């Protein structure tokens, strides 16, 4: 039996308040997963590149 099938069987046996709690938790995990995939650094790279990738910036950092 798959994990999904086992979960469905348990849900069928559980009282409604427990089923609601499980449902809320599954939704939370899905939304959390969406947030974990957010990569702000990658998204900001193109907008900051105009400041980072210039001759003046290279000159300022060349001795470090």
Protein backbone atom coordinates (compact mmCIF):
# COMPACT_ATOMS: atom_id res chain seq x y z
CA UNK A 1 0.00 0.00 0.00
CA UNK A 2 1.33 3.47 -0.84
CA UNK A 3 1.69 6.21 1.73
CA UNK A 4 -1.17 8.07 0.11
CA UNK A 5 -3.42 5.03 0.38
CA UNK A 6 -2.46 4.53 4.03
CA UNK A 7 -3.21 8.18 4.74
CA UNK A 8 -6.60 7.94 3.06
CA UNK A 9 -7.47 4.89 5.15
CA UNK A 10 -6.51 6.72 8.35
CA UNK A 11 -8.51 9.78 7.32
CA UNK A 12 -11.58 7.62 6.74
CA UNK A 13 -11.33 6.39 10.35
CA UNK A 14 -10.59 9.76 11.94
CA UNK A 15 -13.19 12.10 13.46
CA UNK A 16 -14.01 15.28 11.52
CA UNK A 17 -11.95 17.66 13.72
CA UNK A 18 -8.85 15.54 13.12
CA UNK A 19 -9.53 15.43 9.37
CA UNK A 20 -9.82 19.23 9.34
CA UNK A 21 -6.53 19.54 11.21
CA UNK A 22 -4.80 17.20 8.73
CA UNK A 23 -6.24 19.18 5.83
CA UNK A 24 -5.03 22.48 7.30
CA UNK A 25 -1.58 21.00 7.89
CA UNK A 26 -1.29 19.68 4.33
CA UNK A 27 -2.24 23.09 2.96
CA UNK A 28 0.35 24.71 5.23
CA UNK A 29 3.06 22.34 3.96
CA UNK A 30 2.16 23.05 0.34
CA UNK A 31 2.29 26.81 0.87
CA UNK A 32 5.53 26.53 2.85
CA UNK A 33 7.03 24.58 -0.03
CA UNK A 34 6.12 27.40 -2.39
CA UNK A 35 7.86 29.89 -0.12
CA UNK A 36 10.97 27.74 0.12
CA UNK A 37 11.38 27.88 -3.63
CA UNK A 38 11.59 31.72 -3.57
CA UNK A 39 15.12 32.80 -4.48
CA UNK A 40 15.32 36.52 -3.83
CA UNK A 41 19.04 36.64 -4.58
CA UNK A 42 18.58 35.28 -8.09
CA UNK A 43 15.65 37.61 -8.71
CA UNK A 44 17.60 40.70 -7.63
CA UNK A 45 20.75 39.83 -9.57
CA UNK A 46 19.61 41.33 -12.87
CA UNK A 47 18.46 44.59 -11.29
CA UNK A 48 21.68 44.99 -9.30
CA UNK A 49 23.95 43.99 -12.17
CA UNK A 50 23.85 47.50 -13.59
CA UNK A 51 25.58 48.72 -10.41
CA UNK A 52 27.87 45.74 -9.89
CA UNK A 53 29.08 45.18 -13.42
CA UNK A 54 30.72 48.48 -14.20
CA UNK A 55 34.25 49.81 -14.53
CA UNK A 56 33.95 52.05 -11.44
CA UNK A 57 32.90 49.13 -9.27
CA UNK A 58 35.76 46.96 -10.54
CA UNK A 59 38.20 49.78 -9.84
CA UNK A 60 36.90 50.27 -6.29
CA UNK A 61 37.33 46.57 -5.42
CA UNK A 62 40.51 45.68 -7.29
CA UNK A 63 42.84 46.08 -4.27
CA UNK A 64 40.81 43.93 -1.87
